[in-house]
Amino acid sequence: MLSLFRWLARLPLWFLHAIGAVLGWITYWASPSYRRRFRENVHQAGISPAAARPAIAAAGRMVAETPFLWMRPPGQPIGPQLNWQGRALIEAAMQARRGIVFLTPHMGSFEVAAQAVAQEFAAAFGPVTVLYRPARQPALRAVMDQSRARPGVATAPATLAGVRQMMRALRRGEAVGLLPDQVPPEGMGVWVPFFGKPAYTMTLAARLVQQTGALPLLIWGERLTHGAGYTVRVSELDEALPEADAAASGHHQAESAAIINRAMERLIRQCPQQYLWGYNRYKQPRSAEK
């Protein structure tokens, strides 16, 4: 698999996206369970089927671009274009050495978000540490171990050791990134609404902010058409998280998670055509109680 990824990484981005769009539709029609979950999640969010339909091809593009993003030669830019919206928010926080918690939904190219920050800021302000869940398949795990840690990007496994690694990075004034709409392991989340339906939601994202004083920023990489590159969009939370002392209680943990869920909903409504609607957001972790 490693050799296949290296070969795919040499192909033009527009070609990978074209292949991915076809694969996205093949997967959609070949898997009844995937198709059903896609439609149910779109309906739950109140998004029209027409607005969400382009996300079928976008999911395939996300998979097809992965070899390019993971294994292109160091120093090769991220696509023909890399545009920014809200870059000043990052610059101000990094100048203050405050630390940043980047929050990215399963939307657009979430791999690009971390790499773009690393490409632009790591030389002056240190690496960005991203939380990831190691692959279960040995072949894919080998690819991830050798390729995902790009220049300026440090990886932290979704374990207690990884959480400590992220806390240390924030206290050094560096940045970390995670996907707060990813279903956490049992005991590491709370049940709060996501598009009006209870979803098991991680508490880690808010706790990183509350325990270190870091700045939470929303970030996602919009995939441009015809392989033209990406636009990285950065914004602030619309609602303030509870203070650290108050956040220790279960009630305030749920309040914090709900605030972040609402922020994710607002981002997704901005670009439903690039959200990963087939993701099983409402699954119930083993032994977790509603």
Protein backbone atom coordinates (compact mmCIF):
# COMPACT_ATOMS: atom_id res chain seq x y z
CA MET A 1 0.00 0.00 0.00
CA LEU A 2 2.88 2.36 0.70
CA SER A 3 4.09 2.03 -2.91
CA LEU A 4 0.57 2.73 -4.19
CA PHE A 5 0.29 5.88 -2.07
CA ARG A 6 3.66 7.11 -3.36
CA TRP A 7 2.58 6.57 -6.96
CA LEU A 8 -0.75 8.33 -6.43
CA ALA A 9 1.00 11.25 -4.71
CA ARG A 10 2.76 12.08 -8.00
CA LEU A 11 -0.51 12.53 -9.91
CA PRO A 12 -1.96 16.03 -10.44
CA LEU A 13 -4.46 17.15 -7.85
CA TRP A 14 -7.15 17.82 -10.47
CA PHE A 15 -6.81 14.23 -11.69
CA LEU A 16 -7.08 12.78 -8.18
CA HIS A 17 -10.20 14.87 -7.55
CA ALA A 18 -11.75 13.67 -10.81
CA ILE A 19 -11.13 10.03 -9.88
CA GLY A 20 -12.41 10.68 -6.37
CA ALA A 21 -15.68 12.16 -7.59
CA VAL A 22 -16.41 8.98 -9.53
CA LEU A 23 -15.46 6.79 -6.57
CA GLY A 24 -17.72 8.84 -4.31
CA TRP A 25 -20.76 8.13 -6.46
CA ILE A 26 -19.84 4.46 -6.88
CA THR A 27 -19.64 4.08 -3.10
CA TYR A 28 -22.94 5.90 -2.62
CA TRP A 29 -24.87 3.60 -4.97
CA ALA A 30 -23.02 0.42 -3.99
CA SER A 31 -23.69 0.71 -0.24
CA PRO A 32 -27.33 0.87 0.93
CA SER A 33 -26.28 1.51 4.54
CA TYR A 34 -24.03 4.41 3.55
CA ARG A 35 -26.75 5.85 1.33
CA ARG A 36 -29.34 5.57 4.08
CA ARG A 37 -27.11 7.23 6.68
CA PHE A 38 -26.22 10.02 4.25
CA ARG A 39 -29.87 10.81 3.61
CA GLU A 40 -30.87 10.53 7.28
CA ASN A 41 -28.13 12.92 8.41
CA VAL A 42 -29.00 15.44 5.69
CA HIS A 43 -32.68 15.30 6.70
CA GLN A 44 -31.82 15.63 10.41
CA ALA A 45 -29.83 18.78 9.69
CA GLY A 46 -32.65 20.34 7.69
CA ILE A 47 -30.50 20.60 4.56
CA SER A 48 -32.19 20.20 1.19
CA PRO A 49 -31.15 17.09 -0.80
CA ALA A 50 -30.11 19.31 -3.70
CA ALA A 51 -27.73 21.32 -1.49
CA ALA A 52 -26.15 18.18 -0.02
CA ARG A 53 -25.89 16.13 -3.23
CA PRO A 54 -22.44 17.51 -4.22
CA ALA A 55 -21.11 16.08 -0.94
CA ILE A 56 -21.31 12.59 -2.48
CA ALA A 57 -18.53 13.43 -4.92
CA ALA A 58 -16.73 15.53 -2.29
CA ALA A 59 -16.38 12.49 -0.01
CA GLY A 60 -14.62 10.64 -2.82
CA ARG A 61 -12.35 13.61 -3.50
CA MET A 62 -11.38 13.66 0.17
CA VAL A 63 -10.18 10.05 -0.06
CA ALA A 64 -8.45 10.48 -3.42
CA GLU A 65 -6.47 13.56 -2.36
CA THR A 66 -5.07 11.84 0.75
CA PRO A 67 -1.95 10.34 -0.93
CA PHE A 68 -1.06 13.77 -2.35
CA LEU A 69 -1.49 15.49 1.02
CA TRP A 70 0.36 12.85 3.01
CA MET A 71 3.19 11.92 0.67
CA ARG A 72 4.03 14.77 -1.68
CA PRO A 73 7.70 15.84 -1.46
CA PRO A 74 8.57 18.17 1.44
CA GLY A 75 8.45 21.75 0.28
CA GLN A 76 5.91 21.11 -2.48
CA PRO A 77 3.03 23.58 -1.99
CA ILE A 78 -0.50 22.51 -1.13
CA GLY A 79 -2.17 22.62 -4.52
CA PRO A 80 -1.94 25.33 -7.19
CA GLN A 81 -3.66 27.85 -4.88
CA LEU A 82 -3.78 28.33 -1.11
CA ASN A 83 -6.04 31.21 -0.11
CA TRP A 84 -6.76 32.46 3.40
CA GLN A 85 -9.77 33.99 5.08
CA GLY A 86 -9.26 35.05 8.70
CA ARG A 87 -5.49 34.64 8.77
CA ALA A 88 -5.12 37.69 11.05
CA LEU A 89 -6.80 35.77 13.89
CA ILE A 90 -3.99 33.20 13.83
CA GLU A 91 -1.27 35.80 13.58
CA ALA A 92 -2.56 37.75 16.60
CA ALA A 93 -2.81 34.67 18.82
CA MET A 94 0.62 33.39 17.83
CA GLN A 95 2.24 36.78 18.39
CA ALA A 96 0.79 36.73 21.91
CA ARG A 97 2.06 33.13 22.41
CA ARG A 98 -1.35 32.30 23.77
CA GLY A 99 -1.76 28.88 22.20
CA ILE A 100 -4.52 27.95 19.76
CA VAL A 101 -7.02 25.08 19.70
CA PHE A 102 -8.11 24.64 16.08
CA LEU A 103 -11.55 23.02 15.76
CA THR A 104 -12.33 21.42 12.39
CA PRO A 105 -15.51 19.55 11.41
CA HIS A 106 -15.56 16.62 8.97
CA MET A 107 -15.91 19.15 6.18
CA GLY A 108 -13.83 20.04 3.16
CA SER A 109 -10.22 18.94 3.48
CA PHE A 110 -9.45 18.78 7.19
CA GLU A 111 -5.96 17.48 6.36
CA VAL A 112 -5.25 20.72 4.51
CA ALA A 113 -6.17 22.90 7.49
CA ALA A 114 -3.34 21.61 9.68
CA GLN A 115 -0.82 21.50 6.85
CA ALA A 116 -1.62 25.05 5.78
CA VAL A 117 -1.06 26.35 9.31
CA ALA A 118 2.21 24.42 9.51
CA GLN A 119 3.36 25.70 6.11
CA GLU A 120 2.70 29.33 7.03
CA PHE A 121 3.49 29.52 10.75
CA ALA A 122 5.54 26.55 12.03
CA ALA A 123 8.94 28.05 11.20
CA ALA A 124 8.32 31.02 13.47
CA PHE A 125 5.95 29.64 16.11
CA GLY A 126 6.55 25.90 16.33
CA PRO A 127 4.64 22.89 15.00
CA VAL A 128 0.90 22.31 15.08
CA THR A 129 -0.02 19.13 16.97
CA VAL A 130 -3.00 17.22 15.58
CA LEU A 131 -5.00 14.51 17.34
CA TYR A 132 -5.55 11.34 15.32
CA ARG A 133 -6.89 7.86 15.81
CA PRO A 134 -4.42 5.18 14.61
CA ALA A 135 -5.76 2.96 11.82
CA ARG A 136 -6.79 -0.58 12.72
CA GLN A 137 -5.48 -2.10 9.49
CA PRO A 138 -1.71 -2.80 9.74
CA ALA A 139 -1.05 -1.79 6.11
CA LEU A 140 -2.81 1.54 6.49
CA ARG A 141 -1.20 2.13 9.87
CA ALA A 142 2.23 1.76 8.26
CA VAL A 143 1.31 4.37 5.64
CA MET A 144 0.08 6.79 8.32
CA ASP A 145 3.18 6.33 10.48
CA GLN A 146 5.52 7.12 7.59
CA SER A 147 3.62 9.90 5.91
CA ARG A 148 1.18 11.80 8.08
CA ALA A 149 3.76 13.69 10.13
CA ARG A 150 4.50 16.40 7.56
CA PRO A 151 7.06 19.17 8.17
CA GLY A 152 5.71 21.42 10.90
CA VAL A 153 3.00 18.91 11.90
CA ALA A 154 3.27 16.74 15.02
CA THR A 155 0.79 13.94 15.63
CA ALA A 156 -0.74 12.95 18.96
CA PRO A 157 -2.61 9.64 19.31
CA ALA A 158 -6.11 9.65 20.80
CA THR A 159 -4.83 8.37 24.15
CA LEU A 160 -4.03 9.88 27.53
CA ALA A 161 -0.42 10.31 26.41
CA GLY A 162 -1.63 12.17 23.33
CA VAL A 163 -3.78 14.50 25.44
CA ARG A 164 -0.76 15.30 27.65
CA GLN A 165 1.27 16.00 24.52
CA MET A 166 -1.34 18.51 23.36
CA MET A 167 -1.49 20.20 26.77
CA ARG A 168 2.29 20.68 26.77
CA ALA A 169 2.17 22.15 23.26
CA LEU A 170 -0.50 24.67 24.27
CA ARG A 171 1.43 25.73 27.36
CA ARG A 172 4.41 26.44 25.08
CA GLY A 173 2.17 28.77 23.10
CA GLU A 174 1.85 26.40 20.12
CA ALA A 175 -1.24 25.24 18.25
CA VAL A 176 -3.17 21.98 18.34
CA GLY A 177 -5.96 20.70 16.13
CA LEU A 178 -8.77 18.17 16.45
CA LEU A 179 -12.15 17.22 15.00
CA PRO A 180 -14.75 17.92 17.72
CA ASP A 181 -17.54 16.22 15.75
CA GLN A 182 -15.68 12.90 15.92
CA VAL A 183 -17.37 10.41 18.26
CA PRO A 184 -15.03 9.95 21.26
CA PRO A 185 -14.32 6.74 23.18
CA GLU A 186 -16.66 5.83 25.99
CA GLY A 187 -16.29 7.94 29.10
CA MET A 188 -14.73 10.87 27.20
CA GLY A 189 -17.90 12.59 26.04
CA VAL A 190 -21.38 13.80 26.92
CA TRP A 191 -24.74 13.52 25.17
CA VAL A 192 -25.72 16.91 23.73
CA PRO A 193 -27.73 17.93 20.64
CA PHE A 194 -26.18 18.00 17.18
CA PHE A 195 -28.67 19.30 14.65
CA GLY A 196 -31.38 18.65 17.21
CA LYS A 197 -30.53 15.00 17.92
CA PRO A 198 -28.49 13.69 20.89
CA ALA A 199 -24.94 12.90 19.84
CA TYR A 200 -22.09 11.63 22.00
CA THR A 201 -19.69 14.59 21.91
CA MET A 202 -16.13 14.91 23.16
CA THR A 203 -15.34 17.12 26.15
CA LEU A 204 -11.63 17.28 25.30
CA ALA A 205 -11.89 20.22 22.89
CA ALA A 206 -13.34 22.56 25.52
CA ARG A 207 -11.12 21.26 28.32
CA LEU A 208 -7.98 22.05 26.33
CA VAL A 209 -9.14 25.65 26.06
CA GLN A 210 -10.32 25.97 29.66
CA GLN A 211 -7.26 24.40 31.28
CA THR A 212 -4.62 26.28 29.28
CA GLY A 213 -6.23 29.61 28.39
CA ALA A 214 -5.71 28.90 24.69
CA LEU A 215 -7.77 30.59 21.99
CA PRO A 216 -10.34 28.37 20.25
CA LEU A 217 -10.55 28.99 16.51
CA LEU A 218 -12.76 27.34 13.91
CA ILE A 219 -10.88 26.32 10.78
CA TRP A 220 -11.63 24.28 7.66
CA GLY A 221 -10.16 23.86 4.20
CA GLU A 222 -12.62 24.49 1.37
CA ARG A 223 -11.77 22.38 -1.67
CA LEU A 224 -11.81 24.50 -4.84
CA THR A 225 -13.19 23.16 -8.10
CA HIS A 226 -11.14 21.49 -10.84
CA GLY A 227 -8.19 20.79 -8.53
CA ALA A 228 -7.42 24.51 -8.22
CA GLY A 229 -6.37 24.21 -4.58
CA TYR A 230 -7.95 25.25 -1.29
CA THR A 231 -9.22 28.19 0.72
CA VAL A 232 -8.52 27.98 4.45
CA ARG A 233 -11.30 29.67 6.40
CA VAL A 234 -10.69 30.75 10.01
CA SER A 235 -13.24 32.25 12.41
CA GLU A 236 -13.93 32.68 16.12
CA LEU A 237 -16.47 30.97 18.33
CA ASP A 238 -19.72 32.92 18.50
CA GLU A 239 -20.28 31.90 22.12
CA ALA A 240 -17.82 32.01 25.00
CA LEU A 241 -17.00 28.75 26.78
CA PRO A 242 -17.53 28.55 30.56
CA GLU A 243 -14.57 29.48 32.73
CA ALA A 244 -12.23 26.75 33.94
CA ASP A 245 -13.55 26.64 37.53
CA ALA A 246 -17.15 26.28 36.41
CA ALA A 247 -16.30 23.82 33.64
CA ALA A 248 -15.35 21.08 36.10
CA SER A 249 -18.99 20.17 36.71
CA GLY A 250 -20.87 17.76 34.48
CA HIS A 251 -23.43 20.45 33.67
CA HIS A 252 -20.80 22.86 32.38
CA GLN A 253 -19.04 20.12 30.43
CA ALA A 254 -22.30 19.50 28.61
CA GLU A 255 -22.79 23.24 28.10
CA SER A 256 -19.29 23.55 26.64
CA ALA A 257 -19.78 20.61 24.29
CA ALA A 258 -23.14 22.03 23.15
CA ILE A 259 -21.52 25.40 22.35
CA ILE A 260 -18.93 23.68 20.17
CA ASN A 261 -21.60 21.56 18.47
CA ARG A 262 -23.54 24.69 17.59
CA ALA A 263 -20.38 26.21 16.13
CA MET A 264 -19.88 23.09 14.00
CA GLU A 265 -23.50 23.31 12.81
CA ARG A 266 -22.99 26.91 11.69
CA LEU A 267 -19.92 25.96 9.67
CA ILE A 268 -21.65 22.99 8.07
CA ARG A 269 -24.63 25.11 7.02
CA GLN A 270 -22.21 27.43 5.22
CA CYS A 271 -20.99 24.62 2.96
CA PRO A 272 -23.20 21.50 3.17
CA GLN A 273 -21.87 20.36 -0.21
CA GLN A 274 -18.51 19.51 1.38
CA TYR A 275 -19.58 17.96 4.70
CA LEU A 276 -19.06 14.23 5.25
CA TRP A 277 -22.75 13.35 5.64
CA GLY A 278 -22.01 9.63 5.57
CA TYR A 279 -20.11 9.84 8.87
CA ASN A 280 -21.91 7.95 11.63
CA ARG A 281 -22.15 10.93 13.96
CA TYR A 282 -24.96 9.50 16.13
CA LYS A 283 -23.50 6.12 16.95
CA GLN A 284 -23.48 5.05 20.57
CA PRO A 285 -20.11 4.10 22.08
CA ARG A 286 -20.06 0.87 23.99
CA SER A 287 -21.28 1.24 27.59
CA ALA A 288 -22.05 4.96 27.17
CA GLU A 289 -25.43 5.87 28.62
CA LYS A 290 -27.71 8.58 27.29
